[in-house]
């Protein structure tokens, strides 16, 4: 499932082992995002495309933690705002393409779905084990590990969808899983945007700005 931790907080007490683990996790997640998205398009699997959002979200989390560590809250919030907007756009694209696939009746390749889904599950398991030692660190460290652990649920859903497509000979298992994962990605993007806007507003107010200059965001995640 999409990671909705919405943390733009830079990690405290960043050590070389933590940075090295984040770099490895970033490379794995960015690579799997490209693999899943490409395989999803090639195999006409919307659930693979939707699951790729998980890898994009995690890769963005790791990149933000590495790039803006130690920077002012404003820059961290802006980075999170960009991530949230991109996640929202990708989620809407997957949801619309899923609706189109349901309309035209395209049957995805179940074998490709299963192989890539298992690859994604292994990748998330490796990252979760890599970050396991940091699970009892600060809130940012713990959220990164929890996100990687929880994303395995989305990977298992894709594998189940592949089995469903193979067993039923229809695209509906793929479309249902894709719709759920895309909706989670859209929800996560909206939550990240709301919190980032709230942090920018709080930072502006702390610098003597006026509350009326910027609309108040919705509930934070």
N, C-alpha and C. Protein backbone atom coordinates (compact mmCIF):
# COMPACT_ATOMS: atom_id res chain seq x y z
N UNK A 1 0.83 -1.19 0.00
CA UNK A 1 0.00 0.00 0.00
C UNK A 1 0.86 1.24 0.00
N UNK A 2 0.29 2.35 -0.41
CA UNK A 2 1.07 3.58 -0.47
C UNK A 2 1.48 4.01 0.92
N UNK A 3 2.67 4.54 1.03
CA UNK A 3 3.16 5.01 2.32
C UNK A 3 2.62 6.39 2.59
N UNK A 4 1.82 6.52 3.63
CA UNK A 4 1.16 7.79 3.93
C UNK A 4 1.72 8.43 5.19
N UNK A 5 2.97 8.14 5.53
CA UNK A 5 3.52 8.69 6.77
C UNK A 5 3.67 10.19 6.69
N UNK A 6 3.85 10.71 5.47
CA UNK A 6 3.89 12.15 5.24
C UNK A 6 5.02 12.85 5.98
N UNK A 7 6.05 12.14 6.33
CA UNK A 7 7.12 12.77 7.09
C UNK A 7 8.05 13.53 6.18
N UNK A 8 8.17 14.83 6.40
CA UNK A 8 9.18 15.61 5.71
C UNK A 8 10.28 16.00 6.68
N UNK A 9 10.18 15.47 7.90
CA UNK A 9 11.17 15.78 8.92
C UNK A 9 12.50 15.14 8.56
N UNK A 10 13.58 15.91 8.65
CA UNK A 10 14.90 15.36 8.37
C UNK A 10 15.32 14.47 9.52
N UNK A 11 15.99 13.36 9.25
CA UNK A 11 16.41 12.46 10.31
C UNK A 11 17.43 13.13 11.22
N UNK A 12 17.27 12.86 12.51
CA UNK A 12 18.22 13.42 13.48
C UNK A 12 19.33 12.42 13.72
N UNK A 13 20.51 12.93 14.11
CA UNK A 13 21.66 12.07 14.39
C UNK A 13 21.96 11.14 13.22
N UNK A 14 22.01 11.72 12.02
CA UNK A 14 22.24 10.92 10.82
C UNK A 14 23.68 10.42 10.83
N UNK A 15 23.84 9.08 10.83
CA UNK A 15 25.15 8.48 10.81
C UNK A 15 25.45 7.89 9.45
N UNK A 16 26.71 7.48 9.21
CA UNK A 16 27.08 6.91 7.92
C UNK A 16 26.33 5.63 7.59
N UNK A 17 26.04 4.78 8.59
CA UNK A 17 25.32 3.54 8.35
C UNK A 17 23.89 3.82 7.91
N UNK A 18 23.26 4.81 8.55
CA UNK A 18 21.90 5.20 8.18
C UNK A 18 21.86 5.77 6.77
N UNK A 19 22.83 6.63 6.45
CA UNK A 19 22.88 7.19 5.09
C UNK A 19 23.13 6.11 4.05
N UNK A 20 24.02 5.18 4.35
CA UNK A 20 24.32 4.10 3.40
C UNK A 20 23.07 3.23 3.18
N UNK A 21 22.36 2.93 4.26
CA UNK A 21 21.14 2.15 4.14
C UNK A 21 20.10 2.88 3.30
N UNK A 22 19.98 4.20 3.51
CA UNK A 22 19.02 4.99 2.74
C UNK A 22 19.39 5.02 1.26
N UNK A 23 20.68 5.14 0.97
CA UNK A 23 21.11 5.15 -0.43
C UNK A 23 20.78 3.83 -1.12
N UNK A 24 21.03 2.72 -0.44
CA UNK A 24 20.71 1.42 -1.02
C UNK A 24 19.20 1.29 -1.23
N UNK A 25 18.43 1.69 -0.21
CA UNK A 25 16.97 1.63 -0.32
C UNK A 25 16.47 2.52 -1.44
N UNK A 26 17.07 3.69 -1.59
CA UNK A 26 16.68 4.62 -2.66
C UNK A 26 16.92 4.00 -4.03
N UNK A 27 18.09 3.40 -4.22
CA UNK A 27 18.44 2.79 -5.52
C UNK A 27 17.50 1.63 -5.84
N UNK A 28 17.25 0.77 -4.84
CA UNK A 28 16.37 -0.37 -5.05
C UNK A 28 14.96 0.08 -5.41
N UNK A 29 14.42 1.04 -4.66
CA UNK A 29 13.05 1.50 -4.89
C UNK A 29 12.91 2.25 -6.21
N UNK A 30 13.89 3.09 -6.55
CA UNK A 30 13.83 3.81 -7.82
C UNK A 30 13.91 2.82 -8.99
N UNK A 31 14.79 1.82 -8.85
CA UNK A 31 14.92 0.82 -9.90
C UNK A 31 13.65 0.01 -10.08
N UNK A 32 13.03 -0.41 -8.95
CA UNK A 32 11.81 -1.19 -9.03
C UNK A 32 10.63 -0.36 -9.51
N UNK A 33 10.65 0.94 -9.24
CA UNK A 33 9.60 1.81 -9.78
C UNK A 33 9.63 1.79 -11.30
N UNK A 34 10.83 1.92 -11.86
CA UNK A 34 10.98 1.89 -13.32
C UNK A 34 10.61 0.53 -13.90
N UNK A 35 11.05 -0.55 -13.22
CA UNK A 35 10.77 -1.91 -13.70
C UNK A 35 9.27 -2.19 -13.67
N UNK A 36 8.62 -1.90 -12.54
CA UNK A 36 7.18 -2.18 -12.42
C UNK A 36 6.35 -1.34 -13.37
N UNK A 37 6.71 -0.06 -13.50
CA UNK A 37 5.95 0.80 -14.39
C UNK A 37 6.10 0.34 -15.83
N UNK A 38 7.34 0.03 -16.24
CA UNK A 38 7.57 -0.44 -17.60
C UNK A 38 6.90 -1.77 -17.88
N UNK A 39 7.01 -2.70 -16.92
CA UNK A 39 6.39 -4.01 -17.09
C UNK A 39 4.87 -3.89 -17.08
N UNK A 40 4.36 -2.97 -16.27
CA UNK A 40 2.91 -2.77 -16.22
C UNK A 40 2.36 -2.27 -17.54
N UNK A 41 3.08 -1.33 -18.15
CA UNK A 41 2.65 -0.80 -19.45
C UNK A 41 2.76 -1.87 -20.53
N UNK A 42 3.88 -2.61 -20.53
CA UNK A 42 4.10 -3.63 -21.56
C UNK A 42 3.12 -4.79 -21.45
N UNK A 43 2.74 -5.17 -20.21
CA UNK A 43 1.85 -6.31 -20.01
C UNK A 43 0.38 -5.90 -19.88
N UNK A 44 0.12 -4.59 -19.97
CA UNK A 44 -1.24 -4.05 -19.82
C UNK A 44 -1.81 -4.32 -18.44
N UNK A 45 -0.90 -4.41 -17.44
CA UNK A 45 -1.34 -4.65 -16.06
C UNK A 45 -1.44 -3.34 -15.31
N UNK A 46 -2.64 -2.97 -14.95
CA UNK A 46 -2.83 -1.72 -14.20
C UNK A 46 -2.42 -1.88 -12.74
N UNK A 47 -2.51 -3.10 -12.20
CA UNK A 47 -2.10 -3.28 -10.81
C UNK A 47 -0.59 -3.13 -10.65
N UNK A 48 0.20 -3.56 -11.65
CA UNK A 48 1.64 -3.34 -11.60
C UNK A 48 1.95 -1.86 -11.66
N UNK A 49 1.25 -1.13 -12.52
CA UNK A 49 1.46 0.31 -12.61
C UNK A 49 1.10 1.00 -11.29
N UNK A 50 0.00 0.55 -10.67
CA UNK A 50 -0.42 1.15 -9.40
C UNK A 50 0.57 0.81 -8.29
N UNK A 51 1.07 -0.43 -8.28
CA UNK A 51 2.02 -0.83 -7.24
C UNK A 51 3.33 -0.08 -7.39
N UNK A 52 3.65 0.34 -8.63
CA UNK A 52 4.86 1.13 -8.84
C UNK A 52 4.82 2.43 -8.06
N UNK A 53 3.60 2.92 -7.74
CA UNK A 53 3.48 4.15 -6.96
C UNK A 53 4.10 3.99 -5.58
N UNK A 54 4.00 2.77 -5.02
CA UNK A 54 4.62 2.52 -3.72
C UNK A 54 6.12 2.75 -3.77
N UNK A 55 6.74 2.20 -4.83
CA UNK A 55 8.19 2.36 -4.97
C UNK A 55 8.56 3.81 -5.22
N UNK A 56 7.73 4.51 -6.00
CA UNK A 56 8.01 5.93 -6.21
C UNK A 56 7.92 6.71 -4.90
N UNK A 57 6.86 6.44 -4.13
CA UNK A 57 6.69 7.15 -2.86
C UNK A 57 7.83 6.90 -1.90
N UNK A 58 8.27 5.65 -1.79
CA UNK A 58 9.38 5.34 -0.89
C UNK A 58 10.68 5.95 -1.38
N UNK A 59 10.94 5.85 -2.70
CA UNK A 59 12.16 6.44 -3.25
C UNK A 59 12.19 7.94 -2.98
N UNK A 60 11.03 8.59 -3.13
CA UNK A 60 10.96 10.03 -2.86
C UNK A 60 11.21 10.32 -1.39
N UNK A 61 10.67 9.46 -0.49
CA UNK A 61 10.92 9.63 0.95
C UNK A 61 12.41 9.57 1.26
N UNK A 62 13.08 8.56 0.70
CA UNK A 62 14.50 8.39 0.97
C UNK A 62 15.30 9.55 0.38
N UNK A 63 14.93 9.99 -0.82
CA UNK A 63 15.64 11.09 -1.46
C UNK A 63 15.49 12.37 -0.66
N UNK A 64 14.27 12.62 -0.15
CA UNK A 64 14.03 13.82 0.66
C UNK A 64 14.85 13.76 1.94
N UNK A 65 14.85 12.58 2.60
CA UNK A 65 15.62 12.43 3.84
C UNK A 65 17.10 12.70 3.62
N UNK A 66 17.63 12.25 2.47
CA UNK A 66 19.05 12.44 2.18
C UNK A 66 19.36 13.85 1.70
N UNK A 67 18.50 14.41 0.87
CA UNK A 67 18.80 15.69 0.23
C UNK A 67 18.58 16.89 1.12
N UNK A 68 17.56 16.83 1.99
CA UNK A 68 17.22 18.03 2.76
C UNK A 68 17.54 17.89 4.24
N UNK A 69 18.25 16.82 4.60
CA UNK A 69 18.64 16.66 6.00
C UNK A 69 19.42 17.88 6.46
N UNK A 70 18.99 18.48 7.55
CA UNK A 70 19.68 19.64 8.10
C UNK A 70 19.21 20.95 7.51
N UNK A 71 18.40 20.92 6.46
CA UNK A 71 17.91 22.16 5.87
C UNK A 71 16.74 22.71 6.68
N UNK A 72 16.34 23.93 6.38
CA UNK A 72 15.23 24.56 7.06
C UNK A 72 13.93 23.84 6.76
N UNK A 73 12.95 23.98 7.66
CA UNK A 73 11.66 23.34 7.49
C UNK A 73 11.01 23.73 6.18
N UNK A 74 11.18 24.97 5.75
CA UNK A 74 10.56 25.42 4.51
C UNK A 74 10.99 24.57 3.33
N UNK A 75 12.28 24.28 3.22
CA UNK A 75 12.77 23.48 2.10
C UNK A 75 12.30 22.05 2.19
N UNK A 76 12.24 21.48 3.41
CA UNK A 76 11.74 20.12 3.57
C UNK A 76 10.27 20.03 3.20
N UNK A 77 9.51 21.05 3.59
CA UNK A 77 8.08 21.06 3.26
C UNK A 77 7.86 21.21 1.76
N UNK A 78 8.69 22.04 1.10
CA UNK A 78 8.57 22.20 -0.35
C UNK A 78 8.88 20.90 -1.08
N UNK A 79 9.90 20.19 -0.60
CA UNK A 79 10.24 18.91 -1.21
C UNK A 79 9.10 17.91 -1.04
N UNK A 80 8.50 17.90 0.15
CA UNK A 80 7.36 17.01 0.40
C UNK A 80 6.17 17.41 -0.45
N UNK A 81 5.96 18.71 -0.66
CA UNK A 81 4.86 19.19 -1.49
C UNK A 81 5.01 18.71 -2.93
N UNK A 82 6.24 18.75 -3.44
CA UNK A 82 6.50 18.25 -4.80
C UNK A 82 6.24 16.76 -4.88
N UNK A 83 6.68 16.02 -3.87
CA UNK A 83 6.45 14.58 -3.84
C UNK A 83 4.96 14.27 -3.83
N UNK A 84 4.22 14.98 -2.98
CA UNK A 84 2.78 14.73 -2.88
C UNK A 84 2.06 15.02 -4.18
N UNK A 85 2.43 16.11 -4.84
CA UNK A 85 1.79 16.47 -6.11
C UNK A 85 2.07 15.42 -7.18
N UNK A 86 3.32 14.94 -7.24
CA UNK A 86 3.69 13.94 -8.23
C UNK A 86 2.96 12.62 -7.97
N UNK A 87 2.88 12.22 -6.69
CA UNK A 87 2.18 10.99 -6.33
C UNK A 87 0.70 11.09 -6.68
N UNK A 88 0.12 12.25 -6.45
CA UNK A 88 -1.30 12.47 -6.77
C UNK A 88 -1.55 12.37 -8.28
N UNK A 89 -0.68 12.98 -9.07
CA UNK A 89 -0.83 12.96 -10.53
C UNK A 89 -0.68 11.53 -11.07
N UNK A 90 0.34 10.80 -10.57
CA UNK A 90 0.54 9.42 -11.01
C UNK A 90 -0.65 8.54 -10.63
N UNK A 91 -1.16 8.75 -9.42
CA UNK A 91 -2.31 7.97 -8.98
C UNK A 91 -3.53 8.21 -9.84
N UNK A 92 -3.79 9.46 -10.19
CA UNK A 92 -4.92 9.80 -11.07
C UNK A 92 -4.73 9.18 -12.45
N UNK A 93 -3.49 9.21 -12.95
CA UNK A 93 -3.20 8.61 -14.26
C UNK A 93 -3.50 7.12 -14.26
N UNK A 94 -3.05 6.41 -13.20
CA UNK A 94 -3.30 4.97 -13.11
C UNK A 94 -4.80 4.70 -13.00
N UNK A 95 -5.51 5.51 -12.21
CA UNK A 95 -6.94 5.30 -12.04
C UNK A 95 -7.68 5.50 -13.36
N UNK A 96 -7.32 6.53 -14.10
CA UNK A 96 -7.95 6.78 -15.40
C UNK A 96 -7.62 5.69 -16.41
N UNK A 97 -6.37 5.22 -16.41
CA UNK A 97 -5.98 4.15 -17.33
C UNK A 97 -6.68 2.85 -16.96
N UNK A 98 -6.95 2.65 -15.66
CA UNK A 98 -7.69 1.46 -15.22
C UNK A 98 -9.12 1.51 -15.73
N UNK A 99 -9.74 2.68 -15.64
CA UNK A 99 -11.10 2.84 -16.16
C UNK A 99 -11.14 2.60 -17.67
N UNK A 100 -10.12 3.08 -18.37
CA UNK A 100 -10.05 2.87 -19.82
C UNK A 100 -9.88 1.38 -20.14
N UNK A 101 -9.04 0.69 -19.37
CA UNK A 101 -8.82 -0.74 -19.59
C UNK A 101 -10.10 -1.53 -19.35
N UNK A 102 -10.87 -1.12 -18.35
CA UNK A 102 -12.14 -1.79 -18.08
C UNK A 102 -13.11 -1.58 -19.25
N UNK A 103 -13.02 -0.42 -19.87
CA UNK A 103 -13.92 -0.10 -20.99
C UNK A 103 -13.57 -0.90 -22.25
N UNK A 104 -12.26 -1.00 -22.56
CA UNK A 104 -11.85 -1.68 -23.80
C UNK A 104 -11.69 -3.18 -23.60
N UNK A 105 -11.60 -3.63 -22.32
CA UNK A 105 -11.51 -5.06 -22.05
C UNK A 105 -10.17 -5.69 -22.35
N UNK A 106 -9.06 -4.97 -22.12
CA UNK A 106 -7.72 -5.52 -22.37
C UNK A 106 -7.36 -6.54 -21.30
N UNK A 107 -6.88 -7.71 -21.72
CA UNK A 107 -6.48 -8.76 -20.78
C UNK A 107 -4.98 -8.65 -20.50
N UNK A 108 -4.57 -8.46 -19.24
CA UNK A 108 -3.14 -8.36 -18.93
C UNK A 108 -2.45 -9.71 -18.97
N UNK A 109 -1.12 -9.68 -19.04
CA UNK A 109 -0.31 -10.90 -19.06
C UNK A 109 -0.09 -11.35 -17.61
N UNK A 110 -0.78 -12.43 -17.22
CA UNK A 110 -0.72 -12.91 -15.83
C UNK A 110 0.69 -13.36 -15.45
N UNK A 111 1.43 -13.97 -16.39
CA UNK A 111 2.77 -14.46 -16.08
C UNK A 111 3.71 -13.31 -15.73
N UNK A 112 3.67 -12.23 -16.54
CA UNK A 112 4.50 -11.06 -16.25
C UNK A 112 4.11 -10.44 -14.92
N UNK A 113 2.81 -10.35 -14.66
CA UNK A 113 2.33 -9.81 -13.39
C UNK A 113 2.90 -10.59 -12.21
N UNK A 114 2.85 -11.93 -12.30
CA UNK A 114 3.34 -12.76 -11.20
C UNK A 114 4.83 -12.63 -10.98
N UNK A 115 5.59 -12.65 -12.07
CA UNK A 115 7.06 -12.57 -11.96
C UNK A 115 7.49 -11.23 -11.37
N UNK A 116 6.96 -10.14 -11.91
CA UNK A 116 7.34 -8.81 -11.43
C UNK A 116 6.81 -8.57 -10.02
N UNK A 117 5.61 -9.10 -9.73
CA UNK A 117 5.07 -8.95 -8.38
C UNK A 117 5.94 -9.63 -7.34
N UNK A 118 6.45 -10.81 -7.66
CA UNK A 118 7.35 -11.53 -6.74
C UNK A 118 8.67 -10.78 -6.61
N UNK A 119 9.19 -10.24 -7.73
CA UNK A 119 10.41 -9.43 -7.67
C UNK A 119 10.22 -8.24 -6.74
N UNK A 120 9.07 -7.58 -6.85
CA UNK A 120 8.79 -6.42 -6.01
C UNK A 120 8.71 -6.81 -4.54
N UNK A 121 8.09 -7.96 -4.27
CA UNK A 121 7.98 -8.44 -2.90
C UNK A 121 9.36 -8.72 -2.31
N UNK A 122 10.23 -9.35 -3.08
CA UNK A 122 11.60 -9.62 -2.62
C UNK A 122 12.36 -8.32 -2.38
N UNK A 123 12.19 -7.35 -3.29
CA UNK A 123 12.88 -6.06 -3.14
C UNK A 123 12.45 -5.36 -1.85
N UNK A 124 11.15 -5.35 -1.56
CA UNK A 124 10.67 -4.71 -0.34
C UNK A 124 11.14 -5.46 0.90
N UNK A 125 11.21 -6.79 0.81
CA UNK A 125 11.70 -7.58 1.94
C UNK A 125 13.17 -7.27 2.23
N UNK A 126 13.97 -7.14 1.16
CA UNK A 126 15.39 -6.81 1.33
C UNK A 126 15.55 -5.44 1.98
N UNK A 127 14.79 -4.46 1.51
CA UNK A 127 14.87 -3.11 2.07
C UNK A 127 14.42 -3.11 3.53
N UNK A 128 13.34 -3.82 3.82
CA UNK A 128 12.84 -3.88 5.20
C UNK A 128 13.89 -4.50 6.13
N UNK A 129 14.55 -5.55 5.68
CA UNK A 129 15.60 -6.18 6.49
C UNK A 129 16.79 -5.24 6.65
N UNK A 130 17.10 -4.49 5.59
CA UNK A 130 18.21 -3.54 5.64
C UNK A 130 17.96 -2.45 6.68
N UNK A 131 16.70 -2.01 6.76
CA UNK A 131 16.35 -0.92 7.67
C UNK A 131 15.90 -1.41 9.04
N UNK A 132 15.88 -2.73 9.23
CA UNK A 132 15.35 -3.31 10.47
C UNK A 132 16.09 -2.80 11.71
N UNK A 133 17.39 -2.64 11.57
CA UNK A 133 18.19 -2.22 12.72
C UNK A 133 17.85 -0.81 13.19
N UNK A 134 17.22 -0.02 12.30
CA UNK A 134 16.90 1.37 12.65
C UNK A 134 15.44 1.53 13.08
N UNK A 135 14.72 0.41 13.29
CA UNK A 135 13.29 0.48 13.59
C UNK A 135 13.00 1.15 14.92
N UNK A 136 13.97 1.15 15.84
CA UNK A 136 13.75 1.75 17.15
C UNK A 136 14.40 3.13 17.25
N UNK A 137 14.75 3.73 16.10
CA UNK A 137 15.34 5.07 16.10
C UNK A 137 14.28 6.14 16.27
N UNK A 138 14.55 7.35 15.75
CA UNK A 138 13.57 8.43 15.89
C UNK A 138 12.37 8.16 14.99
N UNK A 139 11.40 9.08 15.02
CA UNK A 139 10.15 8.88 14.29
C UNK A 139 10.39 8.72 12.80
N UNK A 140 11.32 9.49 12.24
CA UNK A 140 11.60 9.41 10.81
C UNK A 140 12.17 8.05 10.44
N UNK A 141 13.14 7.57 11.23
CA UNK A 141 13.74 6.27 10.95
C UNK A 141 12.71 5.16 11.04
N UNK A 142 11.88 5.20 12.08
CA UNK A 142 10.88 4.16 12.26
C UNK A 142 9.85 4.18 11.13
N UNK A 143 9.44 5.37 10.69
CA UNK A 143 8.44 5.47 9.63
C UNK A 143 8.97 4.89 8.32
N UNK A 144 10.26 5.10 8.05
CA UNK A 144 10.86 4.57 6.83
C UNK A 144 10.82 3.05 6.84
N UNK A 145 11.13 2.44 7.98
CA UNK A 145 11.10 0.98 8.06
C UNK A 145 9.68 0.46 7.95
N UNK A 146 8.72 1.10 8.64
CA UNK A 146 7.33 0.66 8.61
C UNK A 146 6.77 0.74 7.19
N UNK A 147 7.12 1.80 6.46
CA UNK A 147 6.63 1.95 5.08
C UNK A 147 7.11 0.79 4.22
N UNK A 148 8.38 0.44 4.32
CA UNK A 148 8.92 -0.66 3.52
C UNK A 148 8.27 -1.98 3.90
N UNK A 149 8.03 -2.17 5.17
CA UNK A 149 7.38 -3.41 5.63
C UNK A 149 5.95 -3.49 5.12
N UNK A 150 5.21 -2.39 5.21
CA UNK A 150 3.80 -2.40 4.81
C UNK A 150 3.60 -2.51 3.30
N UNK A 151 4.59 -2.06 2.53
CA UNK A 151 4.45 -2.11 1.07
C UNK A 151 4.39 -3.53 0.55
N UNK A 152 4.86 -4.48 1.35
CA UNK A 152 4.78 -5.88 0.94
C UNK A 152 3.33 -6.31 0.74
N UNK A 153 2.40 -5.65 1.44
CA UNK A 153 0.98 -5.97 1.28
C UNK A 153 0.54 -5.71 -0.15
N UNK A 154 0.96 -4.55 -0.70
CA UNK A 154 0.63 -4.23 -2.08
C UNK A 154 1.23 -5.21 -3.06
N UNK A 155 2.46 -5.65 -2.80
CA UNK A 155 3.11 -6.63 -3.67
C UNK A 155 2.36 -7.96 -3.67
N UNK A 156 1.94 -8.39 -2.48
CA UNK A 156 1.18 -9.64 -2.40
C UNK A 156 -0.16 -9.52 -3.10
N UNK A 157 -0.76 -8.32 -3.06
CA UNK A 157 -2.03 -8.10 -3.75
C UNK A 157 -1.86 -8.25 -5.26
N UNK A 158 -0.72 -7.77 -5.78
CA UNK A 158 -0.44 -7.90 -7.22
C UNK A 158 -0.27 -9.37 -7.61
N UNK A 159 0.46 -10.12 -6.77
CA UNK A 159 0.64 -11.54 -7.04
C UNK A 159 -0.71 -12.26 -7.02
N UNK A 160 -1.56 -11.89 -6.05
CA UNK A 160 -2.90 -12.49 -5.98
C UNK A 160 -3.72 -12.11 -7.21
N UNK A 161 -3.57 -10.87 -7.69
CA UNK A 161 -4.28 -10.45 -8.89
C UNK A 161 -3.82 -11.25 -10.10
N UNK A 162 -2.52 -11.52 -10.17
CA UNK A 162 -1.99 -12.33 -11.27
C UNK A 162 -2.60 -13.72 -11.26
N UNK A 163 -2.70 -14.30 -10.07
CA UNK A 163 -3.32 -15.62 -9.96
C UNK A 163 -4.80 -15.55 -10.36
N UNK A 164 -5.46 -14.45 -9.98
CA UNK A 164 -6.86 -14.28 -10.33
C UNK A 164 -7.07 -14.14 -11.83
N UNK A 165 -6.19 -13.38 -12.48
CA UNK A 165 -6.28 -13.22 -13.94
C UNK A 165 -6.06 -14.56 -14.63
N UNK A 166 -5.07 -15.31 -14.16
CA UNK A 166 -4.77 -16.62 -14.74
C UNK A 166 -5.92 -17.60 -14.54
N UNK A 167 -6.50 -17.57 -13.34
CA UNK A 167 -7.55 -18.53 -13.03
C UNK A 167 -8.89 -18.22 -13.67
N UNK A 168 -9.21 -16.93 -13.79
CA UNK A 168 -10.53 -16.55 -14.33
C UNK A 168 -10.50 -16.23 -15.81
N UNK A 169 -9.32 -15.90 -16.33
CA UNK A 169 -9.22 -15.52 -17.73
C UNK A 169 -9.83 -14.16 -18.02
N UNK A 170 -10.00 -13.36 -16.95
CA UNK A 170 -10.53 -12.01 -17.10
C UNK A 170 -9.57 -11.00 -16.47
N UNK A 171 -9.76 -9.74 -16.78
CA UNK A 171 -8.90 -8.69 -16.26
C UNK A 171 -9.39 -8.11 -14.94
N UNK A 172 -10.55 -8.55 -14.46
CA UNK A 172 -11.14 -7.92 -13.28
C UNK A 172 -10.28 -7.98 -12.03
N UNK A 173 -9.61 -9.11 -11.71
CA UNK A 173 -8.74 -9.09 -10.52
C UNK A 173 -7.67 -8.01 -10.61
N UNK A 174 -7.08 -7.84 -11.79
CA UNK A 174 -6.05 -6.82 -12.00
C UNK A 174 -6.64 -5.43 -11.83
N UNK A 175 -7.81 -5.20 -12.39
CA UNK A 175 -8.44 -3.88 -12.34
C UNK A 175 -8.87 -3.51 -10.92
N UNK A 176 -9.37 -4.49 -10.18
CA UNK A 176 -9.80 -4.21 -8.80
C UNK A 176 -8.62 -3.84 -7.93
N UNK A 177 -7.54 -4.64 -8.01
CA UNK A 177 -6.34 -4.34 -7.21
C UNK A 177 -5.75 -2.99 -7.63
N UNK A 178 -5.72 -2.72 -8.93
CA UNK A 178 -5.18 -1.45 -9.42
C UNK A 178 -5.97 -0.27 -8.88
N UNK A 179 -7.29 -0.39 -8.86
CA UNK A 179 -8.14 0.70 -8.37
C UNK A 179 -7.88 0.98 -6.89
N UNK A 180 -7.73 -0.10 -6.12
CA UNK A 180 -7.47 0.07 -4.68
C UNK A 180 -6.11 0.73 -4.45
N UNK A 181 -5.07 0.23 -5.12
CA UNK A 181 -3.73 0.78 -4.93
C UNK A 181 -3.63 2.21 -5.44
N UNK A 182 -4.28 2.51 -6.58
CA UNK A 182 -4.25 3.87 -7.11
C UNK A 182 -4.97 4.82 -6.16
N UNK A 183 -6.10 4.36 -5.58
CA UNK A 183 -6.83 5.20 -4.63
C UNK A 183 -5.99 5.49 -3.39
N UNK A 184 -5.24 4.47 -2.93
CA UNK A 184 -4.35 4.68 -1.79
C UNK A 184 -3.24 5.67 -2.13
N UNK A 185 -2.73 5.58 -3.37
CA UNK A 185 -1.69 6.52 -3.79
C UNK A 185 -2.22 7.95 -3.86
N UNK A 186 -3.43 8.11 -4.37
CA UNK A 186 -4.05 9.44 -4.44
C UNK A 186 -4.29 9.98 -3.04
N UNK A 187 -4.79 9.12 -2.15
CA UNK A 187 -5.03 9.54 -0.77
C UNK A 187 -3.73 9.96 -0.09
N UNK A 188 -2.66 9.16 -0.31
CA UNK A 188 -1.37 9.51 0.27
C UNK A 188 -0.84 10.83 -0.26
N UNK A 189 -0.98 11.06 -1.58
CA UNK A 189 -0.54 12.32 -2.16
C UNK A 189 -1.27 13.52 -1.57
N UNK A 190 -2.59 13.38 -1.37
CA UNK A 190 -3.38 14.47 -0.80
C UNK A 190 -2.96 14.75 0.64
N UNK A 191 -2.72 13.69 1.40
CA UNK A 191 -2.31 13.87 2.79
C UNK A 191 -0.95 14.57 2.89
N UNK A 192 -0.02 14.17 2.02
CA UNK A 192 1.30 14.79 2.02
C UNK A 192 1.20 16.27 1.66
N UNK A 193 0.38 16.59 0.66
CA UNK A 193 0.21 17.99 0.26
C UNK A 193 -0.38 18.80 1.40
N UNK A 194 -1.39 18.25 2.09
CA UNK A 194 -2.02 18.99 3.19
C UNK A 194 -1.02 19.27 4.30
N UNK A 195 -0.21 18.25 4.68
CA UNK A 195 0.74 18.48 5.76
C UNK A 195 1.83 19.45 5.33
N UNK A 196 2.31 19.32 4.09
CA UNK A 196 3.35 20.23 3.61
C UNK A 196 2.85 21.67 3.60
N UNK A 197 1.60 21.88 3.18
CA UNK A 197 1.03 23.23 3.18
C UNK A 197 0.90 23.76 4.60
N UNK A 198 0.51 22.86 5.53
CA UNK A 198 0.39 23.28 6.92
C UNK A 198 1.75 23.70 7.48
N UNK A 199 2.79 22.92 7.16
CA UNK A 199 4.12 23.26 7.65
C UNK A 199 4.61 24.58 7.06
N UNK A 200 4.33 24.80 5.77
CA UNK A 200 4.71 26.08 5.15
C UNK A 200 3.96 27.24 5.79
N UNK A 201 2.68 27.02 6.10
CA UNK A 201 1.89 28.06 6.75
C UNK A 201 2.41 28.38 8.14
N UNK A 202 2.73 27.31 8.91
CA UNK A 202 3.25 27.52 10.26
C UNK A 202 4.60 28.23 10.23
N UNK A 203 5.43 27.87 9.26
CA UNK A 203 6.74 28.52 9.14
C UNK A 203 6.57 29.99 8.77
N UNK A 204 5.60 30.29 7.88
CA UNK A 204 5.39 31.68 7.48
C UNK A 204 4.87 32.49 8.66
N UNK A 205 3.95 31.90 9.44
CA UNK A 205 3.40 32.60 10.59
C UNK A 205 4.46 32.84 11.66
N UNK A 206 5.38 31.87 11.81
CA UNK A 206 6.44 32.03 12.81
C UNK A 206 7.40 33.14 12.43
N UNK A 207 7.41 33.50 11.12
CA UNK A 207 8.26 34.59 10.66
C UNK A 207 7.51 35.91 10.59
N UNK A 208 6.32 35.95 11.20
CA UNK A 208 5.59 37.21 11.29
C UNK A 208 4.60 37.46 10.18
N UNK A 209 4.24 36.40 9.40
CA UNK A 209 3.29 36.59 8.31
C UNK A 209 1.87 36.64 8.82
N UNK A 210 0.94 36.89 7.93
CA UNK A 210 -0.48 36.97 8.27
C UNK A 210 -1.17 35.70 7.83
N UNK A 211 -2.06 35.17 8.68
CA UNK A 211 -2.77 33.95 8.38
C UNK A 211 -3.66 34.07 7.17
N UNK A 212 -4.14 35.26 6.89
CA UNK A 212 -5.09 35.44 5.79
C UNK A 212 -4.43 35.34 4.42
N UNK A 213 -3.10 35.34 4.37
CA UNK A 213 -2.41 35.35 3.08
C UNK A 213 -2.44 33.99 2.40
N UNK A 214 -2.71 32.92 3.17
CA UNK A 214 -2.67 31.59 2.59
C UNK A 214 -3.84 30.79 3.14
N UNK A 215 -4.63 30.11 2.30
CA UNK A 215 -5.76 29.31 2.79
C UNK A 215 -5.28 28.22 3.73
N UNK A 216 -6.06 27.95 4.77
CA UNK A 216 -5.69 26.92 5.71
C UNK A 216 -5.84 25.56 5.06
N UNK A 217 -4.89 24.64 5.24
CA UNK A 217 -5.01 23.30 4.67
C UNK A 217 -6.02 22.49 5.45
N UNK A 218 -6.31 21.31 4.93
CA UNK A 218 -7.24 20.40 5.60
C UNK A 218 -6.53 19.68 6.72
N UNK A 219 -7.14 18.63 7.19
CA UNK A 219 -6.57 17.85 8.30
C UNK A 219 -5.24 17.25 7.89
N UNK A 220 -4.33 17.21 8.83
CA UNK A 220 -3.04 16.60 8.54
C UNK A 220 -3.17 15.10 8.62
N UNK A 221 -2.17 14.42 8.05
CA UNK A 221 -2.20 12.96 8.14
C UNK A 221 -1.63 12.54 9.47
